[in-house]
Amino acid sequence: MTTSLLGEQDVRHFNEQGYFVARGLLDPAQVAEVRDTFMAMAANGPVPGLSEFRHDGRPVYDSQDPLSRYPRMMHPHRHMDKPVGPVARKYMLYPAIGQILEELMGEEPIACQSMFYFKPPGARGQDLHQDNYYLRVSPGTCMAAWMAIDDADEENGGMVVVPGSQTLQIVCPKKADPTRFFTTEHVDVPEGMQEVAVRLKAGDVLFFNGNVIHGSYPNSSKDRFRRALICHYMPASTRELSHWYEDPMRFSGERVYVSGATGGGPCGNTDTATGPH
């Protein structure tokens, strides 16, 4: 049997708080591999078909927005013809991440999505939200592995989470403040709970439950990126998944087929997500 990577206290913290940080899970060479590959890919600006664009092909962000130069790269693991493809897939299916997910989930994890966030100086944040609002994993919920490629703290827009919010249902969000956040959804911090900053060093991996309320604030630094490779997973027992996440796979690389999510979702419409978030 594979030796456990987590102690009882780690699992207890995750079960009680909804998140867990694996410190130094990626070594400096691995962090550099991810950082350098994605920065080289972005050297000439957004990449059609990979970087975030509107459905009509127009840029998502105004030319004065720092994110116009460095928009998110969506599902890079699908782009095996580009340098970022093999690197994204390698770390999406990184064995240590898979083992920790299995210990936290209690069953085999299935990879659903990868994203790369550059978050350059001056960039807006991502308002508080719940991941399973988008992925619509059922039964249960999804899980995120948020790989810090830079040190991340309050100054450069590091992550905040609401401990204990994994016990809550997925809610229909309100509108976010577009002057502070590039995303459109906002979830309130429930009464009796509070958000906490999760300070990460490059190479740390933050794991959190898909119902946990989390997000980040603007990068107020003058010269610090806050880059991250973020992957989402579902348990093997999943029966439904949003159709936007069309190629889930085991850590062996084997494809898995899951039905598209049905029902109206928490907002009462037929498709709560307009695409990967």
C-alpha atoms as a PDB file:
ATOM      1  CA  MET A   1       0.000   0.000   0.000  1.00  0.00           C
ATOM      2  CA  THR A   2       1.255   3.493  -0.846  1.00  0.00           C
ATOM      3  CA  THR A   3       2.508   5.444   2.162  1.00  0.00           C
ATOM      4  CA  SER A   4       0.093   8.201   3.182  1.00  0.00           C
ATOM      5  CA  LEU A   5       1.194  11.751   2.388  1.00  0.00           C
ATOM      6  CA  LEU A   6      -1.153  13.198   5.002  1.00  0.00           C
ATOM      7  CA  GLY A   7      -1.362  12.866   8.755  1.00  0.00           C
ATOM      8  CA  GLU A   8      -4.592  12.464  10.718  1.00  0.00           C
ATOM      9  CA  GLN A   9      -4.378  16.141  11.694  1.00  0.00           C
ATOM     10  CA  ASP A  10      -4.203  17.171   8.016  1.00  0.00           C
ATOM     11  CA  VAL A  11      -7.309  15.189   7.102  1.00  0.00           C
ATOM     12  CA  ARG A  12      -9.136  16.475  10.175  1.00  0.00           C
ATOM     13  CA  HIS A  13      -8.288  20.068   9.230  1.00  0.00           C
ATOM     14  CA  PHE A  14      -9.620  19.518   5.727  1.00  0.00           C
ATOM     15  CA  ASN A  15     -12.817  17.890   6.980  1.00  0.00           C
ATOM     16  CA  GLU A  16     -13.435  20.658   9.506  1.00  0.00           C
ATOM     17  CA  GLN A  17     -12.264  23.704   7.525  1.00  0.00           C
ATOM     18  CA  GLY A  18     -12.779  22.614   3.920  1.00  0.00           C
ATOM     19  CA  TYR A  19      -9.198  23.227   2.777  1.00  0.00           C
ATOM     20  CA  PHE A  20      -5.638  22.021   3.282  1.00  0.00           C
ATOM     21  CA  VAL A  21      -2.224  23.314   2.166  1.00  0.00           C
ATOM     22  CA  ALA A  22       0.479  20.860   1.101  1.00  0.00           C
ATOM     23  CA  ARG A  23       3.626  22.902   1.668  1.00  0.00           C
ATOM     24  CA  GLY A  24       6.422  22.555  -0.871  1.00  0.00           C
ATOM     25  CA  LEU A  25       4.682  19.822  -2.859  1.00  0.00           C
ATOM     26  CA  LEU A  26       6.375  21.126  -6.019  1.00  0.00           C
ATOM     27  CA  ASP A  27      10.115  21.736  -5.840  1.00  0.00           C
ATOM     28  CA  PRO A  28      11.810  24.884  -7.256  1.00  0.00           C
ATOM     29  CA  ALA A  29      12.718  23.159 -10.542  1.00  0.00           C
ATOM     30  CA  GLN A  30       9.119  22.074 -11.080  1.00  0.00           C
ATOM     31  CA  VAL A  31       7.821  25.554 -10.263  1.00  0.00           C
ATOM     32  CA  ALA A  32      10.310  27.034 -12.746  1.00  0.00           C
ATOM     33  CA  GLU A  33       9.214  24.549 -15.425  1.00  0.00           C
ATOM     34  CA  VAL A  34       5.593  25.634 -15.102  1.00  0.00           C
ATOM     35  CA  ARG A  35       6.372  29.348 -14.816  1.00  0.00           C
ATOM     36  CA  ASP A  36       8.843  29.497 -17.683  1.00  0.00           C
ATOM     37  CA  THR A  37       6.716  27.422 -20.059  1.00  0.00           C
ATOM     38  CA  PHE A  38       3.612  29.550 -19.567  1.00  0.00           C
ATOM     39  CA  MET A  39       5.495  32.845 -19.675  1.00  0.00           C
ATOM     40  CA  ALA A  40       7.152  31.823 -22.939  1.00  0.00           C
ATOM     41  CA  MET A  41       3.733  30.899 -24.329  1.00  0.00           C
ATOM     42  CA  ALA A  42       2.456  34.366 -23.393  1.00  0.00           C
ATOM     43  CA  ALA A  43       5.537  36.214 -24.676  1.00  0.00           C
ATOM     44  CA  ASN A  44       3.692  37.615 -27.703  1.00  0.00           C
ATOM     45  CA  GLY A  45       0.379  38.234 -25.963  1.00  0.00           C
ATOM     46  CA  PRO A  46      -2.861  36.206 -25.810  1.00  0.00           C
ATOM     47  CA  VAL A  47      -2.906  32.931 -27.772  1.00  0.00           C
ATOM     48  CA  PRO A  48      -6.041  32.298 -29.878  1.00  0.00           C
ATOM     49  CA  GLY A  49      -7.878  29.172 -28.793  1.00  0.00           C
ATOM     50  CA  LEU A  50      -5.953  28.958 -25.539  1.00  0.00           C
ATOM     51  CA  SER A  51      -6.183  32.351 -23.836  1.00  0.00           C
ATOM     52  CA  GLU A  52      -9.529  33.632 -22.593  1.00  0.00           C
ATOM     53  CA  PHE A  53     -11.569  35.253 -25.376  1.00  0.00           C
ATOM     54  CA  ARG A  54     -15.254  36.003 -25.867  1.00  0.00           C
ATOM     55  CA  HIS A  55     -17.296  33.503 -27.865  1.00  0.00           C
ATOM     56  CA  ASP A  56     -17.278  35.930 -30.805  1.00  0.00           C
ATOM     57  CA  GLY A  57     -13.479  36.094 -30.732  1.00  0.00           C
ATOM     58  CA  ARG A  58     -13.192  39.578 -29.266  1.00  0.00           C
ATOM     59  CA  PRO A  59     -10.890  40.224 -26.286  1.00  0.00           C
ATOM     60  CA  VAL A  60     -12.505  39.856 -22.856  1.00  0.00           C
ATOM     61  CA  TYR A  61     -10.674  42.792 -21.314  1.00  0.00           C
ATOM     62  CA  ASP A  62     -10.273  46.461 -22.191  1.00  0.00           C
ATOM     63  CA  SER A  63      -6.850  47.338 -23.596  1.00  0.00           C
ATOM     64  CA  GLN A  64      -6.029  49.337 -20.434  1.00  0.00           C
ATOM     65  CA  ASP A  65      -6.668  46.309 -18.207  1.00  0.00           C
ATOM     66  CA  PRO A  66      -3.491  44.415 -17.147  1.00  0.00           C
ATOM     67  CA  LEU A  67      -5.385  41.207 -17.882  1.00  0.00           C
ATOM     68  CA  SER A  68      -5.697  42.174 -21.564  1.00  0.00           C
ATOM     69  CA  ARG A  69      -2.002  41.323 -21.904  1.00  0.00           C
ATOM     70  CA  TYR A  70      -2.198  38.279 -19.612  1.00  0.00           C
ATOM     71  CA  PRO A  71      -5.682  36.725 -19.714  1.00  0.00           C
ATOM     72  CA  ARG A  72      -6.229  33.299 -18.233  1.00  0.00           C
ATOM     73  CA  MET A  73      -5.260  30.254 -20.281  1.00  0.00           C
ATOM     74  CA  MET A  74      -8.174  27.834 -20.263  1.00  0.00           C
ATOM     75  CA  HIS A  75      -7.815  24.045 -20.367  1.00  0.00           C
ATOM     76  CA  PRO A  76      -4.134  24.135 -21.411  1.00  0.00           C
ATOM     77  CA  HIS A  77      -3.924  20.354 -20.914  1.00  0.00           C
ATOM     78  CA  ARG A  78      -6.052  19.959 -24.062  1.00  0.00           C
ATOM     79  CA  HIS A  79      -3.440  21.730 -26.195  1.00  0.00           C
ATOM     80  CA  MET A  80      -0.878  18.984 -26.572  1.00  0.00           C
ATOM     81  CA  ASP A  81       0.383  20.624 -29.771  1.00  0.00           C
ATOM     82  CA  LYS A  82       1.664  23.605 -27.751  1.00  0.00           C
ATOM     83  CA  PRO A  83       4.474  23.655 -25.154  1.00  0.00           C
ATOM     84  CA  VAL A  84       2.011  24.325 -22.321  1.00  0.00           C
ATOM     85  CA  GLY A  85      -0.043  21.212 -23.113  1.00  0.00           C
ATOM     86  CA  PRO A  86       2.309  18.465 -21.870  1.00  0.00           C
ATOM     87  CA  VAL A  87       3.337  20.591 -18.857  1.00  0.00           C
ATOM     88  CA  ALA A  88      -0.266  21.312 -17.832  1.00  0.00           C
ATOM     89  CA  ARG A  89      -1.222  17.654 -18.204  1.00  0.00           C
ATOM     90  CA  LYS A  90       1.889  16.524 -16.322  1.00  0.00           C
ATOM     91  CA  TYR A  91       0.972  18.559 -13.242  1.00  0.00           C
ATOM     92  CA  MET A  92      -2.785  18.070 -13.540  1.00  0.00           C
ATOM     93  CA  LEU A  93      -2.015  14.343 -13.279  1.00  0.00           C
ATOM     94  CA  TYR A  94       0.928  14.701 -10.874  1.00  0.00           C
ATOM     95  CA  PRO A  95       0.952  11.514  -8.745  1.00  0.00           C
ATOM     96  CA  ALA A  96       1.407  13.269  -5.378  1.00  0.00           C
ATOM     97  CA  ILE A  97      -1.588  15.497  -6.095  1.00  0.00           C
ATOM     98  CA  GLY A  98      -3.612  12.438  -7.021  1.00  0.00           C
ATOM     99  CA  GLN A  99      -2.642  10.644  -3.838  1.00  0.00           C
ATOM    100  CA  ILE A 100      -3.558  13.609  -1.622  1.00  0.00           C
ATOM    101  CA  LEU A 101      -6.876  14.025  -3.433  1.00  0.00           C
ATOM    102  CA  GLU A 102      -7.665  10.351  -2.922  1.00  0.00           C
ATOM    103  CA  GLU A 103      -6.868  10.606   0.782  1.00  0.00           C
ATOM    104  CA  LEU A 104      -9.081  13.696   1.130  1.00  0.00           C
ATOM    105  CA  MET A 105     -11.928  12.439  -1.077  1.00  0.00           C
ATOM    106  CA  GLY A 106     -11.866   8.876   0.159  1.00  0.00           C
ATOM    107  CA  GLU A 107     -12.028   7.608  -3.414  1.00  0.00           C
ATOM    108  CA  GLU A 108     -10.299   7.834  -6.782  1.00  0.00           C
ATOM    109  CA  PRO A 109     -10.026  11.393  -8.154  1.00  0.00           C
ATOM    110  CA  ILE A 110     -10.818  12.201 -11.797  1.00  0.00           C
ATOM    111  CA  ALA A 111      -9.273  15.291 -13.438  1.00  0.00           C
ATOM    112  CA  CYS A 112     -11.773  17.679 -15.081  1.00  0.00           C
ATOM    113  CA  GLN A 113     -10.066  20.984 -15.839  1.00  0.00           C
ATOM    114  CA  SER A 114      -6.844  22.981 -15.905  1.00  0.00           C
ATOM    115  CA  MET A 115      -6.348  26.763 -15.957  1.00  0.00           C
ATOM    116  CA  PHE A 116      -3.364  29.078 -15.696  1.00  0.00           C
ATOM    117  CA  TYR A 117      -3.747  32.494 -14.049  1.00  0.00           C
ATOM    118  CA  PHE A 118      -1.021  35.121 -14.559  1.00  0.00           C
ATOM    119  CA  LYS A 119      -2.512  37.884 -12.359  1.00  0.00           C
ATOM    120  CA  PRO A 120       0.041  40.616 -13.188  1.00  0.00           C
ATOM    121  CA  PRO A 121       0.561  43.731 -11.036  1.00  0.00           C
ATOM    122  CA  GLY A 122      -2.558  45.891 -11.005  1.00  0.00           C
ATOM    123  CA  ALA A 123      -4.911  43.075 -12.042  1.00  0.00           C
ATOM    124  CA  ARG A 124      -8.354  42.801 -10.487  1.00  0.00           C
ATOM    125  CA  GLY A 125      -9.260  39.861  -8.275  1.00  0.00           C
ATOM    126  CA  GLN A 126     -11.758  37.035  -8.590  1.00  0.00           C
ATOM    127  CA  ASP A 127     -14.747  37.646  -6.343  1.00  0.00           C
ATOM    128  CA  LEU A 128     -15.900  35.148  -3.713  1.00  0.00           C
ATOM    129  CA  HIS A 129     -17.531  32.126  -5.331  1.00  0.00           C
ATOM    130  CA  GLN A 130     -18.033  28.348  -5.071  1.00  0.00           C
ATOM    131  CA  ASP A 131     -16.445  26.101  -7.690  1.00  0.00           C
ATOM    132  CA  ASN A 132     -19.235  23.545  -7.862  1.00  0.00           C
ATOM    133  CA  TYR A 133     -21.609  26.293  -9.037  1.00  0.00           C
ATOM    134  CA  TYR A 134     -19.714  25.921 -12.329  1.00  0.00           C
ATOM    135  CA  LEU A 135     -18.703  22.267 -12.439  1.00  0.00           C
ATOM    136  CA  ARG A 136     -22.022  20.942 -11.083  1.00  0.00           C
ATOM    137  CA  VAL A 137     -20.508  17.668  -9.919  1.00  0.00           C
ATOM    138  CA  SER A 138     -23.209  15.352  -8.568  1.00  0.00           C
ATOM    139  CA  PRO A 139     -23.455  13.525  -6.271  1.00  0.00           C
ATOM    140  CA  GLY A 140     -21.092  15.298  -3.904  1.00  0.00           C
ATOM    141  CA  THR A 141     -18.855  18.095  -5.099  1.00  0.00           C
ATOM    142  CA  CYS A 142     -15.621  18.846  -6.936  1.00  0.00           C
ATOM    143  CA  MET A 143     -12.170  19.562  -5.526  1.00  0.00           C
ATOM    144  CA  ALA A 144      -9.487  22.075  -6.513  1.00  0.00           C
ATOM    145  CA  ALA A 145      -5.697  21.819  -6.438  1.00  0.00           C
ATOM    146  CA  TRP A 146      -4.352  25.402  -6.597  1.00  0.00           C
ATOM    147  CA  MET A 147      -0.617  25.286  -7.358  1.00  0.00           C
ATOM    148  CA  ALA A 148       1.224  28.459  -6.338  1.00  0.00           C
ATOM    149  CA  ILE A 149       3.811  29.404  -8.973  1.00  0.00           C
ATOM    150  CA  ASP A 150       4.736  32.599  -7.089  1.00  0.00           C
ATOM    151  CA  ASP A 151       4.597  33.480  -3.428  1.00  0.00           C
ATOM    152  CA  ALA A 152       0.990  34.619  -2.901  1.00  0.00           C
ATOM    153  CA  ASP A 153      -0.142  36.946  -0.118  1.00  0.00           C
ATOM    154  CA  GLU A 154      -2.432  39.896   0.526  1.00  0.00           C
ATOM    155  CA  GLU A 155      -0.280  42.344  -1.446  1.00  0.00           C
ATOM    156  CA  ASN A 156      -0.326  40.495  -4.750  1.00  0.00           C
ATOM    157  CA  GLY A 157      -3.862  39.155  -4.499  1.00  0.00           C
ATOM    158  CA  GLY A 158      -3.416  35.812  -2.782  1.00  0.00           C
ATOM    159  CA  MET A 159      -6.219  33.426  -1.991  1.00  0.00           C
ATOM    160  CA  VAL A 160      -8.864  33.876   0.695  1.00  0.00           C
ATOM    161  CA  VAL A 161     -11.185  31.117   1.889  1.00  0.00           C
ATOM    162  CA  VAL A 162     -14.159  30.945   4.234  1.00  0.00           C
ATOM    163  CA  PRO A 163     -13.397  28.056   6.622  1.00  0.00           C
ATOM    164  CA  GLY A 164     -16.336  25.784   7.296  1.00  0.00           C
ATOM    165  CA  SER A 165     -18.273  26.877   4.213  1.00  0.00           C
ATOM    166  CA  GLN A 166     -17.843  23.410   2.682  1.00  0.00           C
ATOM    167  CA  THR A 167     -20.893  22.430   4.732  1.00  0.00           C
ATOM    168  CA  LEU A 168     -23.104  24.895   2.834  1.00  0.00           C
ATOM    169  CA  GLN A 169     -25.165  24.307  -0.267  1.00  0.00           C
ATOM    170  CA  ILE A 170     -24.251  25.884  -3.602  1.00  0.00           C
ATOM    171  CA  VAL A 171     -26.076  29.218  -3.783  1.00  0.00           C
ATOM    172  CA  CYS A 172     -27.169  31.489  -6.601  1.00  0.00           C
ATOM    173  CA  PRO A 173     -24.589  34.321  -6.610  1.00  0.00           C
ATOM    174  CA  LYS A 174     -25.111  38.066  -6.716  1.00  0.00           C
ATOM    175  CA  LYS A 175     -23.357  40.452  -9.102  1.00  0.00           C
ATOM    176  CA  ALA A 176     -19.703  41.234  -8.414  1.00  0.00           C
ATOM    177  CA  ASP A 177     -18.192  44.734  -8.364  1.00  0.00           C
ATOM    178  CA  PRO A 178     -16.514  45.074 -11.809  1.00  0.00           C
ATOM    179  CA  THR A 179     -14.117  47.739 -10.547  1.00  0.00           C
ATOM    180  CA  ARG A 180     -12.471  45.222  -8.216  1.00  0.00           C
ATOM    181  CA  PHE A 181     -13.145  41.821  -9.806  1.00  0.00           C
ATOM    182  CA  PHE A 182     -12.849  40.438 -13.333  1.00  0.00           C
ATOM    183  CA  THR A 183     -15.501  37.783 -12.698  1.00  0.00           C
ATOM    184  CA  THR A 184     -19.224  38.534 -12.534  1.00  0.00           C
ATOM    185  CA  GLU A 185     -20.382  36.368  -9.593  1.00  0.00           C
ATOM    186  CA  HIS A 186     -20.275  37.176  -5.872  1.00  0.00           C
ATOM    187  CA  VAL A 187     -21.240  35.004  -2.888  1.00  0.00           C
ATOM    188  CA  ASP A 188     -21.700  36.628   0.518  1.00  0.00           C
ATOM    189  CA  VAL A 189     -19.793  35.422   3.560  1.00  0.00           C
ATOM    190  CA  PRO A 190     -22.495  33.785   5.724  1.00  0.00           C
ATOM    191  CA  GLU A 191     -23.276  35.186   9.141  1.00  0.00           C
ATOM    192  CA  GLY A 192     -21.014  33.665  11.783  1.00  0.00           C
ATOM    193  CA  MET A 193     -18.243  32.896   9.282  1.00  0.00           C
ATOM    194  CA  GLN A 194     -15.320  34.974   8.074  1.00  0.00           C
ATOM    195  CA  GLU A 195     -12.803  34.872   5.261  1.00  0.00           C
ATOM    196  CA  VAL A 196      -9.149  34.200   6.008  1.00  0.00           C
ATOM    197  CA  ALA A 197      -6.081  34.820   3.855  1.00  0.00           C
ATOM    198  CA  VAL A 198      -4.112  31.719   2.862  1.00  0.00           C
ATOM    199  CA  ARG A 199      -0.487  32.758   2.371  1.00  0.00           C
ATOM    200  CA  LEU A 200       1.365  30.462   0.020  1.00  0.00           C
ATOM    201  CA  LYS A 201       4.956  30.043  -1.082  1.00  0.00           C
ATOM    202  CA  ALA A 202       5.793  29.026  -4.644  1.00  0.00           C
ATOM    203  CA  GLY A 203       5.436  25.234  -4.771  1.00  0.00           C
ATOM    204  CA  ASP A 204       2.686  25.048  -2.150  1.00  0.00           C
ATOM    205  CA  VAL A 205      -0.594  23.470  -3.260  1.00  0.00           C
ATOM    206  CA  LEU A 206      -3.911  24.543  -1.763  1.00  0.00           C
ATOM    207  CA  PHE A 207      -6.603  21.854  -1.866  1.00  0.00           C
ATOM    208  CA  PHE A 208     -10.199  22.861  -1.209  1.00  0.00           C
ATOM    209  CA  ASN A 209     -13.710  21.461  -1.380  1.00  0.00           C
ATOM    210  CA  GLY A 210     -15.896  22.650  -4.263  1.00  0.00           C
ATOM    211  CA  ASN A 211     -18.506  24.166  -1.936  1.00  0.00           C
ATOM    212  CA  VAL A 212     -15.952  26.329  -0.086  1.00  0.00           C
ATOM    213  CA  ILE A 213     -16.476  30.054  -0.608  1.00  0.00           C
ATOM    214  CA  HIS A 214     -13.174  31.496  -1.815  1.00  0.00           C
ATOM    215  CA  GLY A 215     -11.638  34.112  -4.095  1.00  0.00           C
ATOM    216  CA  SER A 216      -8.964  36.784  -4.261  1.00  0.00           C
ATOM    217  CA  TYR A 217      -8.584  40.560  -4.236  1.00  0.00           C
ATOM    218  CA  PRO A 218      -6.702  42.832  -6.660  1.00  0.00           C
ATOM    219  CA  ASN A 219      -2.951  42.574  -7.081  1.00  0.00           C
ATOM    220  CA  SER A 220      -1.873  45.862  -5.496  1.00  0.00           C
ATOM    221  CA  SER A 221       1.855  45.210  -5.880  1.00  0.00           C
ATOM    222  CA  LYS A 222       3.973  47.195  -8.322  1.00  0.00           C
ATOM    223  CA  ASP A 223       6.070  44.357  -9.716  1.00  0.00           C
ATOM    224  CA  ARG A 224       4.858  40.962  -8.450  1.00  0.00           C
ATOM    225  CA  PHE A 225       2.919  38.437 -10.515  1.00  0.00           C
ATOM    226  CA  ARG A 226       0.677  35.950  -8.726  1.00  0.00           C
ATOM    227  CA  ARG A 227       0.753  33.037 -11.120  1.00  0.00           C
ATOM    228  CA  ALA A 228      -1.043  29.781 -10.425  1.00  0.00           C
ATOM    229  CA  LEU A 229      -1.833  26.519 -12.180  1.00  0.00           C
ATOM    230  CA  ILE A 230      -5.289  25.471 -11.027  1.00  0.00           C
ATOM    231  CA  CYS A 231      -6.873  22.087 -11.654  1.00  0.00           C
ATOM    232  CA  HIS A 232     -10.276  20.710 -10.727  1.00  0.00           C
ATOM    233  CA  TYR A 233     -11.221  17.133  -9.938  1.00  0.00           C
ATOM    234  CA  MET A 234     -14.291  15.043  -9.208  1.00  0.00           C
ATOM    235  CA  PRO A 235     -14.683  11.769  -7.318  1.00  0.00           C
ATOM    236  CA  ALA A 236     -14.952   8.585  -9.378  1.00  0.00           C
ATOM    237  CA  SER A 237     -18.517   8.123  -8.101  1.00  0.00           C
ATOM    238  CA  THR A 238     -19.642  11.273  -9.967  1.00  0.00           C
ATOM    239  CA  ARG A 239     -22.666  10.708 -12.182  1.00  0.00           C
ATOM    240  CA  GLU A 240     -23.147  14.227 -13.576  1.00  0.00           C
ATOM    241  CA  LEU A 241     -20.791  17.035 -14.604  1.00  0.00           C
ATOM    242  CA  SER A 242     -21.380  20.296 -16.457  1.00  0.00           C
ATOM    243  CA  HIS A 243     -20.977  19.790 -20.206  1.00  0.00           C
ATOM    244  CA  TRP A 244     -18.275  22.491 -20.300  1.00  0.00           C
ATOM    245  CA  TYR A 245     -15.836  19.970 -18.791  1.00  0.00           C
ATOM    246  CA  GLU A 246     -15.964  17.432 -21.556  1.00  0.00           C
ATOM    247  CA  ASP A 247     -12.807  15.353 -21.198  1.00  0.00           C
ATOM    248  CA  PRO A 248     -12.381  14.089 -17.612  1.00  0.00           C
ATOM    249  CA  MET A 249      -9.577  11.581 -17.155  1.00  0.00           C
ATOM    250  CA  ARG A 250      -8.048   9.283 -14.601  1.00  0.00           C
ATOM    251  CA  PHE A 251      -4.509   9.883 -13.355  1.00  0.00           C
ATOM    252  CA  SER A 252      -3.484   7.099 -15.733  1.00  0.00           C
ATOM    253  CA  GLY A 253      -4.626   9.323 -18.614  1.00  0.00           C
ATOM    254  CA  GLU A 254      -7.642   7.115 -19.408  1.00  0.00           C
ATOM    255  CA  ARG A 255     -10.735   9.065 -20.494  1.00  0.00           C
ATOM    256  CA  VAL A 256     -13.865   8.872 -18.342  1.00  0.00           C
ATOM    257  CA  TYR A 257     -17.389   9.517 -19.634  1.00  0.00           C
ATOM    258  CA  VAL A 258     -19.926  11.255 -17.390  1.00  0.00           C
ATOM    259  CA  SER A 259     -23.432  12.504 -18.190  1.00  0.00           C
ATOM    260  CA  GLY A 260     -24.021  16.220 -18.554  1.00  0.00           C
ATOM    261  CA  ALA A 261     -25.585  17.902 -15.514  1.00  0.00           C
ATOM    262  CA  THR A 262     -29.378  18.066 -15.521  1.00  0.00           C
ATOM    263  CA  GLY A 263     -31.862  20.271 -13.704  1.00  0.00           C
ATOM    264  CA  GLY A 264     -31.945  24.001 -13.263  1.00  0.00           C
ATOM    265  CA  GLY A 265     -29.065  24.591 -10.859  1.00  0.00           C
ATOM    266  CA  PRO A 266     -29.240  26.990  -7.904  1.00  0.00           C
ATOM    267  CA  CYS A 267     -30.365  29.935 -10.068  1.00  0.00           C
ATOM    268  CA  GLY A 268     -33.266  28.084 -11.614  1.00  0.00           C
ATOM    269  CA  ASN A 269     -31.963  28.225 -15.175  1.00  0.00           C
ATOM    270  CA  THR A 270     -30.962  25.376 -17.453  1.00  0.00           C
ATOM    271  CA  ASP A 271     -27.220  25.993 -17.414  1.00  0.00           C
ATOM    272  CA  THR A 272     -25.687  27.868 -14.471  1.00  0.00           C
ATOM    273  CA  ALA A 273     -22.283  28.168 -16.092  1.00  0.00           C
ATOM    274  CA  THR A 274     -21.540  30.010 -19.313  1.00  0.00           C
ATOM    275  CA  GLY A 275     -18.173  28.342 -19.596  1.00  0.00           C
ATOM    276  CA  PRO A 276     -15.148  27.396 -17.493  1.00  0.00           C
ATOM    277  CA  HIS A 277     -14.566  30.000 -14.767  1.00  0.00           C
END
